[in-house]
Amino acid sequence: MALPHDLRDMELRSYVEVPVAARGQPDNPTAQRVVLSDASGAPFDSGDGSLSVEQGPAAAIQSPWWFGFVDPTTRVWAQVSPGIRDPQRGALVTNQEGLKATYTGIVNNITPGTTATDFVTLAGSPVKTLHITRVEVVGVATALAQASLLLVLRSTPDTGGTTSAVTAITSHDAQNPTSQAVLTAYTTTPTSGAFVGTIRQTTYQLVSTTAVAGSAPFVLVWDFGLRNEQCPVLRGASNLLCFGQGGNAVATGTSYIIAITWTEE
């Protein structure tokens, strides 16, 4: 049987495998004969009928499989990978995209109250567990200024203050269920709930909004879960992720855009 040295020589575009009657082997009595066919469904002509390969047991057969030649003399097929090998380049094809329902909530142009503690909070849900994956912050003020920013966890909700429930929560997939989280912005400083701990703290440079002193705003990014560590987790409606200035003075004309991304399961 004359075969090419590589399936690429056959200009393979797509194929299916069709298991037929078992062909027992001494070392694999449950092996199945797998017939390779092209996109039209016609079997490849190898000179004596269809091109086939023994692989089993039958229960292990999945679709599609990529077959890679190793020895053009003995015609031994050595590579059988269920749908993870690029037949044109021989490279593994992987997809590391997460499958958890994911959401991003944005608080746009929030001006904190004087000596702000928390001014943006994300509350968990009694029916879903939230994993925080990313927080992005951009801030400006009338003149150049510095702000001490903190990201803290609380075990009871904040109370009081002037609140505005944020409805700008977008699902990353239209088929995801409606988010169960509650994202809230405060324009008047609330009374803080029970403190659990600070997970991020930094001194942030607020750029000026005036034309003379103005410069490009700096995007502050806090990513979680990238180094095989746990993301901040909110279990229940009383668990909060809170963003604020730790009670420090707020510069004149301060305004923030804050985006929080999380998953729900």
Protein backbone atom coordinates (compact mmCIF):
# COMPACT_ATOMS: atom_id res chain seq x y z
CA MET A 1 0.00 0.00 0.00
CA ALA A 2 1.55 3.25 -1.12
CA LEU A 3 0.91 6.01 1.37
CA PRO A 4 2.18 9.61 1.59
CA HIS A 5 4.61 10.44 4.36
CA ASP A 6 2.19 12.78 6.01
CA LEU A 7 -1.54 13.40 5.90
CA ARG A 8 -0.72 16.97 4.85
CA ASP A 9 0.37 15.55 1.46
CA MET A 10 -3.22 14.41 0.99
CA GLU A 11 -4.50 17.99 1.39
CA LEU A 12 -6.67 16.84 4.26
CA ARG A 13 -9.28 19.43 5.13
CA SER A 14 -11.60 17.49 7.42
CA TYR A 15 -12.58 13.94 8.14
CA VAL A 16 -14.78 11.74 10.24
CA GLU A 17 -14.09 8.33 11.68
CA VAL A 18 -16.52 5.45 11.34
CA PRO A 19 -16.10 2.49 13.72
CA VAL A 20 -17.12 -0.82 12.13
CA ALA A 21 -17.04 -4.42 13.29
CA ALA A 22 -14.48 -5.27 15.93
CA ARG A 23 -11.24 -6.74 14.65
CA GLY A 24 -9.63 -8.52 17.56
CA GLN A 25 -5.91 -8.39 18.16
CA PRO A 26 -3.86 -10.48 20.60
CA ASP A 27 -3.00 -7.39 22.65
CA ASN A 28 -6.28 -5.56 22.08
CA PRO A 29 -9.25 -7.85 21.36
CA THR A 30 -11.74 -4.97 21.55
CA ALA A 31 -10.01 -2.76 18.99
CA GLN A 32 -12.12 -1.07 16.36
CA ARG A 33 -11.29 -0.43 12.74
CA VAL A 34 -11.51 3.30 12.04
CA VAL A 35 -12.09 4.49 8.48
CA LEU A 36 -10.84 7.97 7.54
CA SER A 37 -12.90 9.89 5.02
CA ASP A 38 -12.65 13.35 3.49
CA ALA A 39 -15.08 16.24 3.79
CA SER A 40 -17.39 14.72 1.15
CA GLY A 41 -17.62 11.46 3.09
CA ALA A 42 -15.65 9.47 0.52
CA PRO A 43 -12.87 7.25 1.94
CA PHE A 44 -9.28 8.06 1.05
CA ASP A 45 -8.02 5.85 -1.76
CA SER A 46 -4.81 4.19 -0.61
CA GLY A 47 -4.61 1.79 -3.53
CA ASP A 48 -6.50 -1.07 -1.94
CA GLY A 49 -9.55 0.62 -0.53
CA SER A 50 -9.93 2.97 2.41
CA LEU A 51 -7.12 4.08 4.68
CA SER A 52 -7.65 2.61 8.15
CA VAL A 53 -5.94 2.33 11.49
CA GLU A 54 -6.44 0.07 14.48
CA GLN A 55 -7.26 1.91 17.70
CA GLY A 56 -9.28 0.89 20.70
CA PRO A 57 -11.01 -0.06 22.81
CA ALA A 58 -14.19 1.00 21.05
CA ALA A 59 -15.44 2.97 24.05
CA ALA A 60 -12.41 5.25 23.80
CA ILE A 61 -13.16 6.39 20.25
CA GLN A 62 -13.98 10.10 20.10
CA SER A 63 -14.40 12.56 17.23
CA PRO A 64 -12.35 14.04 15.72
CA TRP A 65 -8.93 12.36 15.95
CA TRP A 66 -5.72 13.61 14.36
CA PHE A 67 -3.37 10.92 13.06
CA GLY A 68 0.35 11.65 12.68
CA PHE A 69 2.83 9.56 10.74
CA VAL A 70 6.15 8.64 12.34
CA ASP A 71 7.80 6.06 10.14
CA PRO A 72 7.15 6.31 6.39
CA THR A 73 8.76 2.90 5.84
CA THR A 74 6.73 0.84 8.28
CA ARG A 75 3.67 3.11 7.99
CA VAL A 76 3.25 3.20 11.76
CA TRP A 77 0.75 5.74 13.05
CA ALA A 78 2.01 7.02 16.39
CA GLN A 79 -0.01 10.12 17.26
CA VAL A 80 -3.69 9.81 18.12
CA SER A 81 -5.04 12.88 19.93
CA PRO A 82 -8.76 13.54 20.46
CA GLY A 83 -9.31 16.93 18.87
CA ILE A 84 -6.27 18.81 20.19
CA ARG A 85 -3.77 18.71 17.34
CA ASP A 86 -3.61 21.02 14.34
CA PRO A 87 -3.33 18.69 11.31
CA GLN A 88 -1.62 21.35 9.19
CA ARG A 89 1.13 22.35 11.63
CA GLY A 90 1.23 19.51 14.14
CA ALA A 91 0.90 21.97 17.03
CA LEU A 92 -1.32 21.37 20.03
CA VAL A 93 -4.45 23.50 19.99
CA THR A 94 -5.62 24.58 23.43
CA ASN A 95 -8.27 26.96 24.74
CA GLN A 96 -7.79 28.34 28.24
CA GLU A 97 -10.91 30.47 28.26
CA GLY A 98 -12.94 30.02 31.43
CA LEU A 99 -16.46 28.60 31.30
CA LYS A 100 -17.85 30.23 34.46
CA ALA A 101 -20.53 32.89 34.04
CA THR A 102 -18.60 36.18 34.04
CA TYR A 103 -19.74 39.77 34.57
CA THR A 104 -18.27 43.27 34.61
CA GLY A 105 -19.79 46.15 36.50
CA ILE A 106 -18.74 49.75 35.82
CA VAL A 107 -19.13 52.78 38.08
CA ASN A 108 -18.73 55.81 35.85
CA ASN A 109 -17.48 59.21 37.07
CA ILE A 110 -18.14 58.72 40.78
CA THR A 111 -17.16 61.59 43.07
CA PRO A 112 -16.60 60.29 46.62
CA GLY A 113 -17.87 62.09 49.69
CA THR A 114 -15.50 64.02 51.96
CA THR A 115 -12.92 61.84 53.77
CA ALA A 116 -14.27 58.80 51.95
CA THR A 117 -13.95 55.32 53.34
CA ASP A 118 -15.88 53.01 51.01
CA PHE A 119 -17.44 54.61 47.95
CA VAL A 120 -17.93 51.54 45.71
CA THR A 121 -19.07 48.17 47.06
CA LEU A 122 -19.81 44.82 45.46
CA ALA A 123 -22.08 42.61 47.56
CA GLY A 124 -22.33 38.85 47.15
CA SER A 125 -25.45 36.73 46.69
CA PRO A 126 -27.30 34.20 48.86
CA VAL A 127 -27.54 31.83 45.89
CA LYS A 128 -24.24 32.33 44.04
CA THR A 129 -20.55 32.40 44.98
CA LEU A 130 -18.61 35.32 43.49
CA HIS A 131 -14.93 35.17 42.57
CA ILE A 132 -13.38 38.60 41.88
CA THR A 133 -10.96 38.38 38.96
CA ARG A 134 -10.10 41.99 38.09
CA VAL A 135 -10.44 45.59 39.28
CA GLU A 136 -9.58 48.58 37.07
CA VAL A 137 -9.42 52.19 38.26
CA VAL A 138 -8.92 55.52 36.49
CA GLY A 139 -9.00 58.78 38.46
CA VAL A 140 -8.71 62.52 37.86
CA ALA A 141 -8.92 65.69 39.97
CA THR A 142 -8.98 69.44 39.35
CA ALA A 143 -5.24 69.64 40.09
CA LEU A 144 -2.55 67.00 40.34
CA ALA A 145 -3.03 65.07 43.57
CA GLN A 146 -2.33 61.79 45.26
CA ALA A 147 -4.91 59.44 46.71
CA SER A 148 -4.52 56.47 49.03
CA LEU A 149 -6.66 53.70 47.55
CA LEU A 150 -7.70 50.53 49.34
CA LEU A 151 -9.54 47.37 48.38
CA VAL A 152 -10.96 45.66 51.45
CA LEU A 153 -13.23 42.78 52.36
CA ARG A 154 -16.10 43.16 54.85
CA SER A 155 -18.37 40.61 56.48
CA THR A 156 -21.36 42.92 57.03
CA PRO A 157 -22.83 45.57 54.70
CA ASP A 158 -22.09 49.27 54.91
CA THR A 159 -24.96 51.39 56.23
CA GLY A 160 -26.14 54.96 55.72
CA GLY A 161 -24.59 57.32 53.22
CA THR A 162 -26.11 58.39 49.93
CA THR A 163 -26.25 55.40 47.63
CA SER A 164 -26.91 54.78 43.98
CA ALA A 165 -27.38 51.18 42.84
CA VAL A 166 -25.31 50.59 39.73
CA THR A 167 -27.20 48.92 36.90
CA ALA A 168 -24.28 48.91 34.42
CA ILE A 169 -23.51 45.21 34.93
CA THR A 170 -22.76 43.40 31.68
CA SER A 171 -22.63 39.65 31.20
CA HIS A 172 -19.71 38.37 29.13
CA ASP A 173 -22.10 35.93 27.44
CA ALA A 174 -25.71 36.75 26.57
CA GLN A 175 -26.70 33.22 27.62
CA ASN A 176 -25.49 33.72 31.20
CA PRO A 177 -28.20 34.15 33.84
CA THR A 178 -28.79 37.59 35.28
CA SER A 179 -26.07 38.55 37.75
CA GLN A 180 -26.96 38.07 41.42
CA ALA A 181 -24.36 40.59 42.67
CA VAL A 182 -25.20 44.11 43.84
CA LEU A 183 -22.83 46.90 42.82
CA THR A 184 -23.34 50.16 44.70
CA ALA A 185 -21.77 53.62 44.50
CA TYR A 186 -21.76 56.16 47.34
CA THR A 187 -21.63 59.93 46.90
CA THR A 188 -21.87 60.45 50.68
CA THR A 189 -19.61 58.33 52.87
CA PRO A 190 -21.40 55.39 54.55
CA THR A 191 -20.68 53.77 57.90
CA SER A 192 -18.38 50.86 57.19
CA GLY A 193 -19.37 47.26 57.88
CA ALA A 194 -17.26 44.74 59.80
CA PHE A 195 -13.69 44.78 58.53
CA VAL A 196 -12.15 41.48 57.37
CA GLY A 197 -8.92 42.65 55.81
CA THR A 198 -7.19 44.74 53.14
CA ILE A 199 -6.20 42.87 49.99
CA ARG A 200 -4.79 45.80 47.99
CA GLN A 201 -3.49 49.27 48.93
CA THR A 202 -1.57 51.85 46.92
CA THR A 203 -0.87 55.56 46.51
CA TYR A 204 -2.47 56.64 43.24
CA GLN A 205 -1.62 59.69 41.14
CA LEU A 206 -4.71 61.65 40.13
CA VAL A 207 -4.04 63.59 36.92
CA SER A 208 -5.36 67.11 36.43
CA THR A 209 -8.42 67.84 34.35
CA THR A 210 -7.07 71.26 33.34
CA ALA A 211 -5.55 71.72 29.89
CA VAL A 212 -2.25 73.13 31.18
CA ALA A 213 -1.43 70.46 33.73
CA GLY A 214 -3.37 67.64 32.13
CA SER A 215 -1.78 64.31 31.26
CA ALA A 216 -2.94 60.84 30.30
CA PRO A 217 -4.76 59.12 33.18
CA PHE A 218 -3.07 56.04 34.58
CA VAL A 219 -5.12 52.82 34.57
CA LEU A 220 -4.61 50.97 37.83
CA VAL A 221 -5.22 47.22 37.40
CA TRP A 222 -5.50 44.60 40.11
CA ASP A 223 -5.74 41.07 38.69
CA PHE A 224 -6.48 38.01 40.79
CA GLY A 225 -6.11 34.27 40.25
CA LEU A 226 -3.21 34.48 37.78
CA ARG A 227 -0.59 32.70 39.92
CA ASN A 228 -2.63 29.73 41.04
CA GLU A 229 -3.78 31.63 44.11
CA GLN A 230 -7.37 32.12 45.21
CA CYS A 231 -9.36 35.08 43.97
CA PRO A 232 -11.21 37.16 46.57
CA VAL A 233 -14.44 35.24 47.19
CA LEU A 234 -17.83 36.61 48.26
CA ARG A 235 -20.14 34.04 49.85
CA GLY A 236 -23.55 35.41 50.74
CA ALA A 237 -25.11 38.87 50.55
CA SER A 238 -23.29 40.07 53.69
CA ASN A 239 -19.84 39.57 52.11
CA LEU A 240 -18.58 42.74 50.43
CA LEU A 241 -15.65 43.85 48.31
CA CYS A 242 -15.18 47.55 49.02
CA PHE A 243 -13.16 50.21 47.22
CA GLY A 244 -12.29 53.47 48.96
CA GLN A 245 -9.73 55.94 50.25
CA GLY A 246 -9.48 54.69 53.82
CA GLY A 247 -11.01 57.86 55.30
CA ASN A 248 -8.35 60.13 53.79
CA ALA A 249 -9.21 63.55 52.37
CA VAL A 250 -10.59 63.64 48.82
CA ALA A 251 -8.96 66.13 46.44
CA THR A 252 -11.11 68.80 44.82
CA GLY A 253 -12.81 67.63 41.64
CA THR A 254 -11.93 63.97 42.17
CA SER A 255 -13.72 61.58 39.84
CA TYR A 256 -13.19 57.85 39.34
CA ILE A 257 -14.16 55.26 36.75
CA ILE A 258 -14.08 51.80 38.35
CA ALA A 259 -14.63 48.47 36.60
CA ILE A 260 -14.94 45.20 38.54
CA THR A 261 -15.01 41.76 36.88
CA TRP A 262 -16.16 38.60 38.64
CA THR A 263 -17.56 35.12 38.06
CA GLU A 264 -20.66 33.54 39.59
CA GLU A 265 -21.21 29.85 40.24
